[in-house]
PDB file of all heavy atoms in Angstrom:
ATOM      1  N   VAL A   1     -14.015   8.204  10.712  1.00  0.00           N
ATOM      2  CA  VAL A   1     -14.035   9.604  10.327  1.00  0.00           C
ATOM      3  C   VAL A   1     -12.570  10.124   9.994  1.00  0.00           C
ATOM      4  O   VAL A   1     -11.676   9.817  10.765  1.00  0.00           O
ATOM      5  CB  VAL A   1     -14.710  10.552  11.256  1.00  0.00           C
ATOM      6  CG1 VAL A   1     -14.617  11.948  10.883  1.00  0.00           C
ATOM      7  CG2 VAL A   1     -16.148  10.043  11.548  1.00  0.00           C
ATOM      8  N   GLY A   2     -12.456  10.777   8.918  1.00  0.00           N
ATOM      9  CA  GLY A   2     -11.147  11.390   8.621  1.00  0.00           C
ATOM     10  C   GLY A   2     -10.300  10.654   7.547  1.00  0.00           C
ATOM     11  O   GLY A   2     -10.453   9.415   7.403  1.00  0.00           O
ATOM     12  N   LEU A   3      -9.483  11.471   6.861  1.00  0.00           N
ATOM     13  CA  LEU A   3      -8.733  10.885   5.735  1.00  0.00           C
ATOM     14  C   LEU A   3      -7.769   9.738   6.166  1.00  0.00           C
ATOM     15  O   LEU A   3      -7.865   8.628   5.604  1.00  0.00           O
ATOM     16  CB  LEU A   3      -7.969  12.000   5.106  1.00  0.00           C
ATOM     17  CG  LEU A   3      -6.997  11.600   3.928  1.00  0.00           C
ATOM     18  CD1 LEU A   3      -7.865  11.068   2.737  1.00  0.00           C
ATOM     19  CD2 LEU A   3      -6.168  12.720   3.444  1.00  0.00           C
ATOM     20  N   ARG A   4      -6.947   9.944   7.184  1.00  0.00           N
ATOM     21  CA  ARG A   4      -6.029   8.955   7.543  1.00  0.00           C
ATOM     22  C   ARG A   4      -6.647   7.614   7.985  1.00  0.00           C
ATOM     23  O   ARG A   4      -6.302   6.544   7.654  1.00  0.00           O
ATOM     24  CB  ARG A   4      -5.133   9.473   8.749  1.00  0.00           C
ATOM     25  CG  ARG A   4      -3.955  10.320   8.151  1.00  0.00           C
ATOM     26  CD  ARG A   4      -3.018  10.638   9.269  1.00  0.00           C
ATOM     27  NE  ARG A   4      -3.170  12.048   9.596  1.00  0.00           N
ATOM     28  CZ  ARG A   4      -2.622  12.611  10.576  1.00  0.00           C
ATOM     29  NH1 ARG A   4      -1.884  11.923  11.489  1.00  0.00           N
ATOM     30  NH2 ARG A   4      -2.766  13.925  10.766  1.00  0.00           N
ATOM     31  N   GLU A   5      -7.658   7.782   8.844  1.00  0.00           N
ATOM     32  CA  GLU A   5      -8.437   6.567   9.380  1.00  0.00           C
ATOM     33  C   GLU A   5      -9.116   5.858   8.236  1.00  0.00           C
ATOM     34  O   GLU A   5      -9.026   4.582   8.144  1.00  0.00           O
ATOM     35  CB  GLU A   5      -9.378   6.976  10.416  1.00  0.00           C
ATOM     36  CG  GLU A   5      -9.938   5.792  11.130  1.00  0.00           C
ATOM     37  CD  GLU A   5      -8.998   4.972  11.971  1.00  0.00           C
ATOM     38  OE1 GLU A   5      -7.877   5.511  12.325  1.00  0.00           O
ATOM     39  OE2 GLU A   5      -9.283   3.848  12.333  1.00  0.00           O
ATOM     40  N   VAL A   6      -9.758   6.483   7.282  1.00  0.00           N
ATOM     41  CA  VAL A   6     -10.383   5.923   6.160  1.00  0.00           C
ATOM     42  C   VAL A   6      -9.406   5.153   5.307  1.00  0.00           C
ATOM     43  O   VAL A   6      -9.664   4.056   4.940  1.00  0.00           O
ATOM     44  CB  VAL A   6     -11.281   6.877   5.347  1.00  0.00           C
ATOM     45  CG1 VAL A   6     -11.713   6.325   4.081  1.00  0.00           C
ATOM     46  CG2 VAL A   6     -12.424   7.400   6.216  1.00  0.00           C
ATOM     47  N   LEU A   7      -8.317   5.815   4.985  1.00  0.00           N
ATOM     48  CA  LEU A   7      -7.288   5.217   4.112  1.00  0.00           C
ATOM     49  C   LEU A   7      -6.660   3.997   4.865  1.00  0.00           C
ATOM     50  O   LEU A   7      -6.409   2.991   4.192  1.00  0.00           O
ATOM     51  CB  LEU A   7      -6.149   6.255   3.794  1.00  0.00           C
ATOM     52  CG  LEU A   7      -6.550   7.291   2.804  1.00  0.00           C
ATOM     53  CD1 LEU A   7      -5.449   8.398   2.611  1.00  0.00           C
ATOM     54  CD2 LEU A   7      -6.959   6.803   1.527  1.00  0.00           C
ATOM     55  N   ARG A   8      -6.383   4.090   6.146  1.00  0.00           N
ATOM     56  CA  ARG A   8      -5.896   2.979   6.823  1.00  0.00           C
ATOM     57  C   ARG A   8      -6.797   1.719   6.828  1.00  0.00           C
ATOM     58  O   ARG A   8      -6.397   0.620   6.546  1.00  0.00           O
ATOM     59  CB  ARG A   8      -5.594   3.372   8.323  1.00  0.00           C
ATOM     60  CG  ARG A   8      -4.922   2.167   9.095  1.00  0.00           C
ATOM     61  CD  ARG A   8      -4.503   2.684  10.504  1.00  0.00           C
ATOM     62  NE  ARG A   8      -5.647   2.855  11.383  1.00  0.00           N
ATOM     63  CZ  ARG A   8      -6.203   1.928  12.086  1.00  0.00           C
ATOM     64  NH1 ARG A   8      -5.780   0.671  11.984  1.00  0.00           N
ATOM     65  NH2 ARG A   8      -7.217   2.124  12.843  1.00  0.00           N
ATOM     66  N   ARG A   9      -8.082   1.998   7.136  1.00  0.00           N
ATOM     67  CA  ARG A   9      -9.011   0.882   7.145  1.00  0.00           C
ATOM     68  C   ARG A   9      -9.253   0.392   5.662  1.00  0.00           C
ATOM     69  O   ARG A   9      -9.529  -0.833   5.563  1.00  0.00           O
ATOM     70  CB  ARG A   9     -10.361   1.385   7.796  1.00  0.00           C
ATOM     71  CG  ARG A   9     -10.281   1.831   9.224  1.00  0.00           C
ATOM     72  CD  ARG A   9      -9.999   0.540  10.136  1.00  0.00           C
ATOM     73  NE  ARG A   9      -9.935   0.929  11.469  1.00  0.00           N
ATOM     74  CZ  ARG A   9     -10.947   0.842  12.331  1.00  0.00           C
ATOM     75  NH1 ARG A   9     -12.075   0.311  11.901  1.00  0.00           N
ATOM     76  NH2 ARG A   9     -10.839   1.246  13.602  1.00  0.00           N
ATOM     77  N   MET A  10      -9.211   1.241   4.734  1.00  0.00           N
ATOM     78  CA  MET A  10      -9.330   0.715   3.376  1.00  0.00           C
ATOM     79  C   MET A  10      -8.202  -0.152   2.999  1.00  0.00           C
ATOM     80  O   MET A  10      -8.450  -1.239   2.362  1.00  0.00           O
ATOM     81  CB  MET A  10      -9.425   1.977   2.388  1.00  0.00           C
ATOM     82  CG  MET A  10      -9.933   1.550   1.020  1.00  0.00           C
ATOM     83  SD  MET A  10     -10.057   2.996  -0.062  1.00  0.00           S
ATOM     84  CE  MET A  10     -11.194   4.139   0.733  1.00  0.00           C
ATOM     85  N   ALA A  11      -7.002   0.195   3.372  1.00  0.00           N
ATOM     86  CA  ALA A  11      -5.796  -0.668   3.114  1.00  0.00           C
ATOM     87  C   ALA A  11      -5.981  -2.080   3.792  1.00  0.00           C
ATOM     88  O   ALA A  11      -5.478  -3.087   3.282  1.00  0.00           O
ATOM     89  CB  ALA A  11      -4.573  -0.039   3.532  1.00  0.00           C
ATOM     90  N   GLU A  12      -6.750  -2.107   4.874  1.00  0.00           N
ATOM     91  CA  GLU A  12      -7.030  -3.334   5.606  1.00  0.00           C
ATOM     92  C   GLU A  12      -8.250  -4.109   5.041  1.00  0.00           C
ATOM     93  O   GLU A  12      -8.500  -5.197   5.559  1.00  0.00           O
ATOM     94  CB  GLU A  12      -7.287  -3.110   7.057  1.00  0.00           C
ATOM     95  CG  GLU A  12      -6.074  -2.433   7.842  1.00  0.00           C
ATOM     96  CD  GLU A  12      -6.482  -1.869   9.221  1.00  0.00           C
ATOM     97  OE1 GLU A  12      -7.649  -1.911   9.552  1.00  0.00           O
ATOM     98  OE2 GLU A  12      -5.539  -1.604   9.942  1.00  0.00           O
ATOM     99  N   GLY A  13      -8.826  -3.520   4.012  1.00  0.00           N
ATOM    100  CA  GLY A  13      -9.976  -4.141   3.427  1.00  0.00           C
ATOM    101  C   GLY A  13     -11.265  -4.067   4.250  1.00  0.00           C
ATOM    102  O   GLY A  13     -12.188  -4.869   4.119  1.00  0.00           O
ATOM    103  N   LYS A  14     -11.314  -3.091   5.154  1.00  0.00           N
ATOM    104  CA  LYS A  14     -12.417  -2.936   6.116  1.00  0.00           C
ATOM    105  C   LYS A  14     -13.446  -1.947   5.759  1.00  0.00           C
ATOM    106  O   LYS A  14     -14.434  -1.773   6.417  1.00  0.00           O
ATOM    107  CB  LYS A  14     -11.916  -2.610   7.492  1.00  0.00           C
ATOM    108  CG  LYS A  14     -11.098  -3.803   8.056  1.00  0.00           C
ATOM    109  CD  LYS A  14     -10.548  -3.538   9.456  1.00  0.00           C
ATOM    110  CE  LYS A  14      -9.775  -4.706  10.020  1.00  0.00           C
ATOM    111  NZ  LYS A  14      -9.240  -4.424  11.287  1.00  0.00           N
ATOM    112  N   ILE A  15     -13.284  -1.197   4.603  1.00  0.00           N
ATOM    113  CA  ILE A  15     -14.185  -0.133   4.161  1.00  0.00           C
ATOM    114  C   ILE A  15     -15.183  -0.701   3.177  1.00  0.00           C
ATOM    115  O   ILE A  15     -14.754  -1.309   2.152  1.00  0.00           O
ATOM    116  CB  ILE A  15     -13.520   1.088   3.643  1.00  0.00           C
ATOM    117  CG1 ILE A  15     -12.632   1.710   4.804  1.00  0.00           C
ATOM    118  CG2 ILE A  15     -14.518   2.116   3.093  1.00  0.00           C
ATOM    119  CD1 ILE A  15     -13.410   2.368   5.927  1.00  0.00           C
ATOM    120  N   LEU A  16     -16.470  -0.478   3.350  1.00  0.00           N
ATOM    121  CA  LEU A  16     -17.540  -0.871   2.421  1.00  0.00           C
ATOM    122  C   LEU A  16     -17.832   0.230   1.493  1.00  0.00           C
ATOM    123  O   LEU A  16     -18.036   0.011   0.238  1.00  0.00           O
ATOM    124  CB  LEU A  16     -18.732  -1.345   3.181  1.00  0.00           C
ATOM    125  CG  LEU A  16     -19.937  -1.688   2.370  1.00  0.00           C
ATOM    126  CD1 LEU A  16     -19.644  -2.986   1.546  1.00  0.00           C
ATOM    127  CD2 LEU A  16     -21.148  -1.988   3.283  1.00  0.00           C
ATOM    128  N   LEU A  17     -17.920   1.491   2.055  1.00  0.00           N
ATOM    129  CA  LEU A  17     -18.393   2.620   1.262  1.00  0.00           C
ATOM    130  C   LEU A  17     -17.699   3.809   1.820  1.00  0.00           C
ATOM    131  O   LEU A  17     -17.508   3.937   3.057  1.00  0.00           O
ATOM    132  CB  LEU A  17     -19.913   2.718   1.333  1.00  0.00           C
ATOM    133  CG  LEU A  17     -20.506   3.920   0.730  1.00  0.00           C
ATOM    134  CD1 LEU A  17     -20.549   3.699  -0.750  1.00  0.00           C
ATOM    135  CD2 LEU A  17     -21.965   4.112   1.226  1.00  0.00           C
ATOM    136  N   VAL A  18     -17.412   4.821   0.977  1.00  0.00           N
ATOM    137  CA  VAL A  18     -16.878   6.113   1.422  1.00  0.00           C
ATOM    138  C   VAL A  18     -17.858   7.146   1.131  1.00  0.00           C
ATOM    139  O   VAL A  18     -18.475   7.243   0.032  1.00  0.00           O
ATOM    140  CB  VAL A  18     -15.534   6.356   0.645  1.00  0.00           C
ATOM    141  CG1 VAL A  18     -15.089   7.879   0.835  1.00  0.00           C
ATOM    142  CG2 VAL A  18     -14.411   5.471   1.161  1.00  0.00           C
ATOM    143  N   VAL A  19     -18.109   8.101   2.096  1.00  0.00           N
ATOM    144  CA  VAL A  19     -18.907   9.297   1.861  1.00  0.00           C
ATOM    145  C   VAL A  19     -18.002  10.484   1.852  1.00  0.00           C
ATOM    146  O   VAL A  19     -17.301  10.722   2.812  1.00  0.00           O
ATOM    147  CB  VAL A  19     -19.942   9.436   2.957  1.00  0.00           C
ATOM    148  CG1 VAL A  19     -20.826  10.596   2.635  1.00  0.00           C
ATOM    149  CG2 VAL A  19     -20.826   8.147   3.081  1.00  0.00           C
ATOM    150  N   LEU A  20     -17.936  11.260   0.850  1.00  0.00           N
ATOM    151  CA  LEU A  20     -17.015  12.301   0.535  1.00  0.00           C
ATOM    152  C   LEU A  20     -17.703  13.663   0.426  1.00  0.00           C
ATOM    153  O   LEU A  20     -18.654  13.754  -0.413  1.00  0.00           O
ATOM    154  CB  LEU A  20     -16.190  12.005  -0.697  1.00  0.00           C
ATOM    155  CG  LEU A  20     -15.125  12.899  -1.179  1.00  0.00           C
ATOM    156  CD1 LEU A  20     -14.046  13.145  -0.049  1.00  0.00           C
ATOM    157  CD2 LEU A  20     -14.503  12.514  -2.398  1.00  0.00           C
ATOM    158  N   ALA A  21     -17.267  14.559   1.149  1.00  0.00           N
ATOM    159  CA  ALA A  21     -17.913  15.979   1.062  1.00  0.00           C
ATOM    160  C   ALA A  21     -17.457  16.582  -0.242  1.00  0.00           C
ATOM    161  O   ALA A  21     -16.348  16.626  -0.582  1.00  0.00           O
ATOM    162  CB  ALA A  21     -17.450  16.823   2.247  1.00  0.00           C
ATOM    163  N   ALA A  22     -18.439  17.196  -0.903  1.00  0.00           N
ATOM    164  CA  ALA A  22     -18.238  17.823  -2.208  1.00  0.00           C
ATOM    165  C   ALA A  22     -17.268  19.077  -2.102  1.00  0.00           C
ATOM    166  O   ALA A  22     -16.587  19.331  -3.045  1.00  0.00           O
ATOM    167  CB  ALA A  22     -19.507  18.303  -2.815  1.00  0.00           C
ATOM    168  N   ASP A  23     -17.293  19.665  -0.938  1.00  0.00           N
ATOM    169  CA  ASP A  23     -16.351  20.843  -0.837  1.00  0.00           C
ATOM    170  C   ASP A  23     -15.089  20.570  -0.076  1.00  0.00           C
ATOM    171  O   ASP A  23     -14.326  21.485   0.385  1.00  0.00           O
ATOM    172  CB  ASP A  23     -17.143  22.061  -0.038  1.00  0.00           C
ATOM    173  CG  ASP A  23     -17.608  21.600   1.317  1.00  0.00           C
ATOM    174  OD1 ASP A  23     -17.567  20.432   1.734  1.00  0.00           O
ATOM    175  OD2 ASP A  23     -18.011  22.537   2.095  1.00  0.00           O
ATOM    176  N   ALA A  24     -14.758  19.260  -0.043  1.00  0.00           N
ATOM    177  CA  ALA A  24     -13.395  18.953   0.540  1.00  0.00           C
ATOM    178  C   ALA A  24     -12.300  19.434  -0.467  1.00  0.00           C
ATOM    179  O   ALA A  24     -12.511  19.681  -1.659  1.00  0.00           O
ATOM    180  CB  ALA A  24     -13.302  17.380   0.639  1.00  0.00           C
ATOM    181  N   GLU A  25     -11.072  19.582   0.096  1.00  0.00           N
ATOM    182  CA  GLU A  25      -9.930  20.089  -0.667  1.00  0.00           C
ATOM    183  C   GLU A  25      -9.687  19.073  -1.830  1.00  0.00           C
ATOM    184  O   GLU A  25      -9.814  17.832  -1.669  1.00  0.00           O
ATOM    185  CB  GLU A  25      -8.738  20.219   0.202  1.00  0.00           C
ATOM    186  CG  GLU A  25      -8.908  21.356   1.196  1.00  0.00           C
ATOM    187  CD  GLU A  25      -7.608  21.635   1.979  1.00  0.00           C
ATOM    188  OE1 GLU A  25      -6.568  21.294   1.550  1.00  0.00           O
ATOM    189  OE2 GLU A  25      -7.820  22.049   3.094  1.00  0.00           O
ATOM    190  N   GLU A  26      -9.319  19.624  -3.002  1.00  0.00           N
ATOM    191  CA  GLU A  26      -9.089  18.769  -4.181  1.00  0.00           C
ATOM    192  C   GLU A  26      -8.037  17.628  -3.885  1.00  0.00           C
ATOM    193  O   GLU A  26      -8.253  16.549  -4.434  1.00  0.00           O
ATOM    194  CB  GLU A  26      -8.575  19.652  -5.276  1.00  0.00           C
ATOM    195  CG  GLU A  26      -9.327  19.760  -6.588  1.00  0.00           C
ATOM    196  CD  GLU A  26     -10.644  18.972  -6.725  1.00  0.00           C
ATOM    197  OE1 GLU A  26     -11.704  19.573  -6.463  1.00  0.00           O
ATOM    198  OE2 GLU A  26     -10.593  17.798  -7.150  1.00  0.00           O
ATOM    199  N   HIS A  27      -6.992  17.899  -3.182  1.00  0.00           N
ATOM    200  CA  HIS A  27      -5.987  16.860  -2.930  1.00  0.00           C
ATOM    201  C   HIS A  27      -6.562  15.707  -2.182  1.00  0.00           C
ATOM    202  O   HIS A  27      -6.199  14.539  -2.412  1.00  0.00           O
ATOM    203  CB  HIS A  27      -4.703  17.404  -2.323  1.00  0.00           C
ATOM    204  CG  HIS A  27      -4.853  17.848  -0.900  1.00  0.00           C
ATOM    205  ND1 HIS A  27      -4.491  16.992   0.159  1.00  0.00           N
ATOM    206  CD2 HIS A  27      -5.255  19.013  -0.334  1.00  0.00           C
ATOM    207  CE1 HIS A  27      -4.733  17.590   1.317  1.00  0.00           C
ATOM    208  NE2 HIS A  27      -5.160  18.765   1.026  1.00  0.00           N
ATOM    209  N   ILE A  28      -7.481  16.007  -1.211  1.00  0.00           N
ATOM    210  CA  ILE A  28      -8.142  14.972  -0.488  1.00  0.00           C
ATOM    211  C   ILE A  28      -9.050  14.153  -1.424  1.00  0.00           C
ATOM    212  O   ILE A  28      -9.088  12.894  -1.345  1.00  0.00           O
ATOM    213  CB  ILE A  28      -8.960  15.563   0.681  1.00  0.00           C
ATOM    214  CG1 ILE A  28      -7.980  16.111   1.766  1.00  0.00           C
ATOM    215  CG2 ILE A  28      -9.878  14.490   1.325  1.00  0.00           C
ATOM    216  CD1 ILE A  28      -8.594  16.976   2.761  1.00  0.00           C
ATOM    217  N   LYS A  29      -9.900  14.865  -2.129  1.00  0.00           N
ATOM    218  CA  LYS A  29     -10.730  14.111  -3.029  1.00  0.00           C
ATOM    219  C   LYS A  29     -10.013  13.271  -4.057  1.00  0.00           C
ATOM    220  O   LYS A  29     -10.347  12.064  -4.260  1.00  0.00           O
ATOM    221  CB  LYS A  29     -11.654  15.099  -3.801  1.00  0.00           C
ATOM    222  CG  LYS A  29     -12.597  15.791  -2.911  1.00  0.00           C
ATOM    223  CD  LYS A  29     -13.752  16.511  -3.610  1.00  0.00           C
ATOM    224  CE  LYS A  29     -13.353  17.734  -4.318  1.00  0.00           C
ATOM    225  NZ  LYS A  29     -14.493  18.540  -4.817  1.00  0.00           N
ATOM    226  N   SER A  30      -8.954  13.707  -4.657  1.00  0.00           N
ATOM    227  CA  SER A  30      -8.269  12.936  -5.637  1.00  0.00           C
ATOM    228  C   SER A  30      -7.592  11.769  -5.013  1.00  0.00           C
ATOM    229  O   SER A  30      -7.524  10.643  -5.563  1.00  0.00           O
ATOM    230  CB  SER A  30      -7.266  13.764  -6.380  1.00  0.00           C
ATOM    231  OG  SER A  30      -6.223  14.401  -5.560  1.00  0.00           O
ATOM    232  N   ARG A  31      -6.998  11.898  -3.750  1.00  0.00           N
ATOM    233  CA  ARG A  31      -6.352  10.834  -3.107  1.00  0.00           C
ATOM    234  C   ARG A  31      -7.387   9.674  -2.724  1.00  0.00           C
ATOM    235  O   ARG A  31      -7.065   8.644  -2.890  1.00  0.00           O
ATOM    236  CB  ARG A  31      -5.659  11.360  -1.896  1.00  0.00           C
ATOM    237  CG  ARG A  31      -4.796  10.306  -1.072  1.00  0.00           C
ATOM    238  CD  ARG A  31      -3.963  11.021  -0.146  1.00  0.00           C
ATOM    239  NE  ARG A  31      -3.245  10.037   0.658  1.00  0.00           N
ATOM    240  CZ  ARG A  31      -2.614  10.329   1.790  1.00  0.00           C
ATOM    241  NH1 ARG A  31      -2.566  11.495   2.269  1.00  0.00           N
ATOM    242  NH2 ARG A  31      -1.955   9.376   2.393  1.00  0.00           N
ATOM    243  N   LEU A  32      -8.524  10.163  -2.263  1.00  0.00           N
ATOM    244  CA  LEU A  32      -9.615   9.198  -1.874  1.00  0.00           C
ATOM    245  C   LEU A  32     -10.142   8.493  -3.088  1.00  0.00           C
ATOM    246  O   LEU A  32     -10.416   7.269  -3.021  1.00  0.00           O
ATOM    247  CB  LEU A  32     -10.732   9.846  -1.119  1.00  0.00           C
ATOM    248  CG  LEU A  32     -10.434   9.980   0.316  1.00  0.00           C
ATOM    249  CD1 LEU A  32     -11.364  10.960   1.053  1.00  0.00           C
ATOM    250  CD2 LEU A  32     -10.464   8.719   1.103  1.00  0.00           C
ATOM    251  N   LYS A  33     -10.324   9.216  -4.198  1.00  0.00           N
ATOM    252  CA  LYS A  33     -10.935   8.559  -5.403  1.00  0.00           C
ATOM    253  C   LYS A  33      -9.910   7.569  -5.900  1.00  0.00           C
ATOM    254  O   LYS A  33     -10.334   6.505  -6.374  1.00  0.00           O
ATOM    255  CB  LYS A  33     -11.235   9.634  -6.388  1.00  0.00           C
ATOM    256  CG  LYS A  33     -12.454  10.475  -6.050  1.00  0.00           C
ATOM    257  CD  LYS A  33     -12.711  11.597  -7.042  1.00  0.00           C
ATOM    258  CE  LYS A  33     -13.907  12.426  -6.593  1.00  0.00           C
ATOM    259  NZ  LYS A  33     -14.134  13.530  -7.398  1.00  0.00           N
ATOM    260  N   ALA A  34      -8.684   7.897  -5.932  1.00  0.00           N
ATOM    261  CA  ALA A  34      -7.673   6.889  -6.352  1.00  0.00           C
ATOM    262  C   ALA A  34      -7.644   5.683  -5.440  1.00  0.00           C
ATOM    263  O   ALA A  34      -7.546   4.536  -5.921  1.00  0.00           O
ATOM    264  CB  ALA A  34      -6.297   7.530  -6.402  1.00  0.00           C
TER     265      ALA A  34
END
């Protein structure tokens, strides 16, 4: 859970899927989508 942990695990190749809240702040959504 959380932006930092998801990004860290994604960089390690450990994330299969991301669930993103529609009402999250735009900078979080754009960073995660990238």
